[in-house]
Amino acid sequence: MKLYGFFRSSAAYRIRIALNLKGIDCDQQFVHLRKGEHLQPGYLQLNPQGRVPALIDGETVITQSMAIAEYLEEVRGGARLLPEDVAGRARVRALCQAVACDIHPLNNVSVLNYLVNDMGLTEEDKSRWYHHWISVGLRGVEAMLSESPQTGKYCQGDELSLADAFLVPQVYNAQRFDCDLSPYPTVMRINDSCVDLEAFQKAHPDNQPDNE
């Protein structure tokens, strides 16, 4: 099994956490986004979208972090990262997609670069854009977590799930851009419960071989 990623990609970060939680050994392949390696013909043959992560398992190639995470859950053993009950699985998926579909795409590096390089926005404008959409997105996630009796020590009760693997990298990104996270106490409580765990520490961008 091979994982193609970049140390600072939050989507690849999610999958590193999931792999660690499930105890799956995976050979990491590094795709340097700032050098444009994701747009080279060799990588585009693997992932025509030119994004990371991509996972190779034998002859199978999977792209998109949610698809990869669910694939790992279905084909490999280790810790269960989706609840046994249907409603619980749906809730975890909803939390994952609140990050992967509603927050992350608006603040992806390709979007931020387009705002500055193609639309002519200033760095200040870019920062305002980033902070606005983080605020909108995390406000919703905070409500989903704080108002649900299913929230426990972690996003879904007291057992780690894919929702935690998706949440922590998004908080990391928000902290990198100096976003005010004080309005999201439940998000931060859960994040703080996760970040010192070995599976999360090993997946952290600072601890990746391609970190720079």
Protein backbone atom coordinates (compact mmCIF):
# COMPACT_ATOMS: atom_id res chain seq x y z
CA MET A 1 0.00 0.00 0.00
CA LYS A 2 1.34 3.44 -0.98
CA LEU A 3 0.09 6.87 0.02
CA TYR A 4 0.93 9.84 -2.18
CA GLY A 5 0.82 13.05 -0.19
CA PHE A 6 2.44 16.29 0.90
CA PHE A 7 3.36 17.02 4.49
CA ARG A 8 1.17 20.12 4.75
CA SER A 9 -1.84 18.81 2.82
CA SER A 10 -4.66 18.55 5.34
CA ALA A 11 -6.37 15.94 3.15
CA ALA A 12 -3.26 13.73 3.27
CA TYR A 13 -2.93 14.50 6.99
CA ARG A 14 -6.42 13.01 7.54
CA ILE A 15 -5.42 9.78 5.87
CA ARG A 16 -2.15 9.51 7.78
CA ILE A 17 -4.17 9.74 11.00
CA ALA A 18 -6.62 7.09 9.81
CA LEU A 19 -3.79 4.75 8.79
CA ASN A 20 -2.13 5.20 12.18
CA LEU A 21 -5.35 4.64 14.11
CA LYS A 22 -5.96 1.42 12.20
CA GLY A 23 -2.34 0.31 12.57
CA ILE A 24 -1.77 0.02 8.82
CA ASP A 25 1.77 0.19 7.48
CA CYS A 26 1.91 2.33 4.36
CA ASP A 27 4.77 3.40 2.12
CA GLN A 28 4.68 7.19 1.78
CA GLN A 29 5.39 8.79 -1.59
CA PHE A 30 5.96 12.54 -1.54
CA VAL A 31 4.39 14.91 -4.05
CA HIS A 32 5.75 18.44 -3.63
CA LEU A 33 2.81 20.73 -4.29
CA ARG A 34 4.79 23.97 -4.27
CA LYS A 35 7.14 22.59 -6.93
CA GLY A 36 4.21 21.51 -9.09
CA GLU A 37 4.92 17.79 -8.88
CA HIS A 38 1.18 17.13 -8.67
CA LEU A 39 0.84 18.50 -12.20
CA GLN A 40 3.53 16.32 -13.76
CA PRO A 41 2.32 13.77 -16.35
CA GLY A 42 3.39 10.80 -14.24
CA TYR A 43 1.29 11.87 -11.28
CA LEU A 44 -1.64 12.96 -13.44
CA GLN A 45 -1.81 9.43 -14.82
CA LEU A 46 -2.31 8.27 -11.25
CA ASN A 47 -4.70 11.05 -10.25
CA PRO A 48 -6.11 13.09 -13.16
CA GLN A 49 -7.32 15.76 -10.69
CA GLY A 50 -3.73 16.52 -9.78
CA ARG A 51 -4.44 16.50 -6.07
CA VAL A 52 -3.28 14.60 -3.01
CA PRO A 53 -3.79 12.19 -1.43
CA ALA A 54 -3.90 9.16 -3.66
CA LEU A 55 -3.72 5.63 -2.33
CA ILE A 56 -2.49 2.56 -4.21
CA ASP A 57 -3.42 -0.84 -2.84
CA GLY A 58 -2.24 -3.51 -5.26
CA GLU A 59 -3.91 -2.71 -8.56
CA THR A 60 -6.44 -0.38 -6.95
CA VAL A 61 -6.00 3.41 -7.02
CA ILE A 62 -8.26 5.53 -4.80
CA THR A 63 -8.39 9.31 -4.73
CA GLN A 64 -10.32 11.77 -2.54
CA SER A 65 -9.74 11.55 1.21
CA MET A 66 -13.25 10.46 2.17
CA ALA A 67 -13.20 7.64 -0.37
CA ILE A 68 -9.76 6.55 0.83
CA ALA A 69 -10.84 6.65 4.48
CA GLU A 70 -13.94 4.55 3.81
CA TYR A 71 -11.93 2.13 1.67
CA LEU A 72 -9.51 1.56 4.55
CA GLU A 73 -12.44 0.98 6.88
CA GLU A 74 -13.97 -1.60 4.53
CA VAL A 75 -10.91 -3.59 3.50
CA ARG A 76 -8.61 -3.46 6.52
CA GLY A 77 -8.94 -4.42 10.15
CA GLY A 78 -7.73 -2.48 13.13
CA ALA A 79 -9.67 0.10 15.07
CA ARG A 80 -13.20 0.75 13.84
CA LEU A 81 -13.44 4.37 12.66
CA LEU A 82 -17.11 4.31 11.67
CA PRO A 83 -19.71 3.40 14.32
CA GLU A 84 -21.63 0.14 14.13
CA ASP A 85 -25.04 1.82 14.03
CA VAL A 86 -26.37 3.37 10.83
CA ALA A 87 -27.27 6.71 12.41
CA GLY A 88 -23.85 6.99 14.03
CA ARG A 89 -22.09 6.29 10.74
CA ALA A 90 -24.19 8.94 9.03
CA ARG A 91 -23.32 11.49 11.70
CA VAL A 92 -19.59 10.79 11.44
CA ARG A 93 -19.79 11.10 7.65
CA ALA A 94 -21.65 14.40 8.01
CA LEU A 95 -18.95 15.78 10.29
CA CYS A 96 -16.23 14.61 7.91
CA GLN A 97 -17.93 16.20 4.94
CA ALA A 98 -18.55 19.45 6.80
CA VAL A 99 -14.77 19.74 6.81
CA ALA A 100 -13.86 18.07 3.52
CA CYS A 101 -16.67 19.55 1.39
CA ASP A 102 -17.62 22.85 3.01
CA ILE A 103 -14.51 24.26 4.72
CA HIS A 104 -11.40 22.88 3.07
CA PRO A 105 -12.24 23.49 -0.63
CA LEU A 106 -12.77 27.23 -0.06
CA ASN A 107 -9.37 27.54 1.60
CA ASN A 108 -7.36 25.10 -0.50
CA VAL A 109 -3.95 26.43 -1.54
CA SER A 110 -5.00 26.39 -5.20
CA VAL A 111 -7.95 28.67 -4.38
CA LEU A 112 -5.80 31.00 -2.28
CA ASN A 113 -3.21 31.23 -5.05
CA TYR A 114 -5.93 31.99 -7.62
CA LEU A 115 -7.27 34.81 -5.46
CA VAL A 116 -3.87 36.48 -5.41
CA ASN A 117 -2.23 35.51 -8.70
CA ASP A 118 -5.25 35.58 -11.04
CA MET A 119 -7.78 37.86 -9.39
CA GLY A 120 -5.26 40.35 -8.05
CA LEU A 121 -6.37 40.28 -4.42
CA THR A 122 -3.92 41.44 -1.80
CA GLU A 123 -2.50 39.20 0.91
CA GLU A 124 -4.78 41.05 3.33
CA ASP A 125 -7.78 40.22 1.15
CA LYS A 126 -6.70 36.59 1.02
CA SER A 127 -6.43 36.49 4.79
CA ARG A 128 -9.89 38.00 5.17
CA TRP A 129 -11.29 35.35 2.79
CA TYR A 130 -9.61 32.56 4.75
CA HIS A 131 -10.75 33.80 8.15
CA HIS A 132 -14.31 34.36 6.95
CA TRP A 133 -14.80 30.85 5.61
CA ILE A 134 -13.09 29.23 8.59
CA SER A 135 -15.49 31.15 10.83
CA VAL A 136 -18.54 30.11 8.82
CA GLY A 137 -17.45 26.48 8.61
CA LEU A 138 -16.30 25.94 12.18
CA ARG A 139 -19.37 27.73 13.53
CA GLY A 140 -21.46 25.02 11.92
CA VAL A 141 -19.23 22.21 13.12
CA GLU A 142 -19.24 23.64 16.64
CA ALA A 143 -23.04 23.59 16.65
CA MET A 144 -23.14 20.03 15.28
CA LEU A 145 -20.89 18.93 18.13
CA SER A 146 -22.03 21.08 21.06
CA GLU A 147 -25.74 20.50 20.51
CA SER A 148 -25.58 16.73 20.11
CA PRO A 149 -25.80 14.22 22.97
CA GLN A 150 -23.71 11.89 20.82
CA THR A 151 -20.64 14.06 21.30
CA GLY A 152 -18.36 12.76 24.03
CA LYS A 153 -14.66 12.98 24.64
CA TYR A 154 -14.37 12.83 20.86
CA CYS A 155 -16.66 13.76 17.99
CA GLN A 156 -18.67 10.55 18.26
CA GLY A 157 -18.88 9.49 21.88
CA ASP A 158 -15.72 8.35 23.64
CA GLU A 159 -14.28 6.38 20.72
CA LEU A 160 -12.12 7.91 18.03
CA SER A 161 -13.63 8.03 14.56
CA LEU A 162 -12.98 9.42 11.11
CA ALA A 163 -14.61 12.65 12.27
CA ASP A 164 -11.67 13.29 14.61
CA ALA A 165 -9.19 12.44 11.85
CA PHE A 166 -10.82 15.09 9.64
CA LEU A 167 -11.30 17.72 12.36
CA VAL A 168 -7.74 17.91 13.71
CA PRO A 169 -6.03 18.84 10.40
CA GLN A 170 -8.62 21.57 9.85
CA VAL A 171 -7.86 23.05 13.26
CA TYR A 172 -4.15 22.84 12.44
CA ASN A 173 -4.76 24.86 9.26
CA ALA A 174 -6.80 27.45 11.12
CA GLN A 175 -4.04 27.84 13.69
CA ARG A 176 -1.44 28.27 10.93
CA PHE A 177 -3.44 31.22 9.60
CA ASP A 178 -3.91 32.75 13.07
CA CYS A 179 -7.68 32.30 13.14
CA ASP A 180 -9.46 33.08 16.38
CA LEU A 181 -10.69 29.69 17.58
CA SER A 182 -12.08 30.81 20.93
CA PRO A 183 -15.70 30.77 19.62
CA TYR A 184 -15.44 27.00 19.13
CA PRO A 185 -14.83 25.49 22.57
CA THR A 186 -16.18 22.04 21.74
CA VAL A 187 -14.07 21.82 18.59
CA MET A 188 -10.99 22.82 20.56
CA ARG A 189 -11.73 20.48 23.47
CA ILE A 190 -11.93 17.55 21.07
CA ASN A 191 -8.85 18.69 19.18
CA ASP A 192 -6.91 18.93 22.44
CA SER A 193 -8.04 15.41 23.37
CA CYS A 194 -6.59 14.09 20.11
CA VAL A 195 -3.41 15.94 19.28
CA ASP A 196 -1.15 14.31 21.87
CA LEU A 197 -2.21 10.76 20.97
CA GLU A 198 0.49 8.79 19.18
CA ALA A 199 -1.53 8.26 15.99
CA PHE A 200 -2.07 12.00 15.63
CA GLN A 201 1.48 12.93 16.61
CA LYS A 202 2.98 10.57 14.02
CA ALA A 203 0.70 12.06 11.35
CA HIS A 204 1.48 15.70 12.19
CA PRO A 205 3.03 17.70 9.33
CA ASP A 206 6.06 18.60 11.44
CA ASN A 207 6.86 14.91 11.82
CA GLN A 208 6.81 13.97 8.13
CA PRO A 209 10.01 13.13 6.20
CA ASP A 210 9.18 15.74 3.54
CA ASN A 211 8.62 18.53 6.08
CA GLU A 212 10.53 21.69 5.25
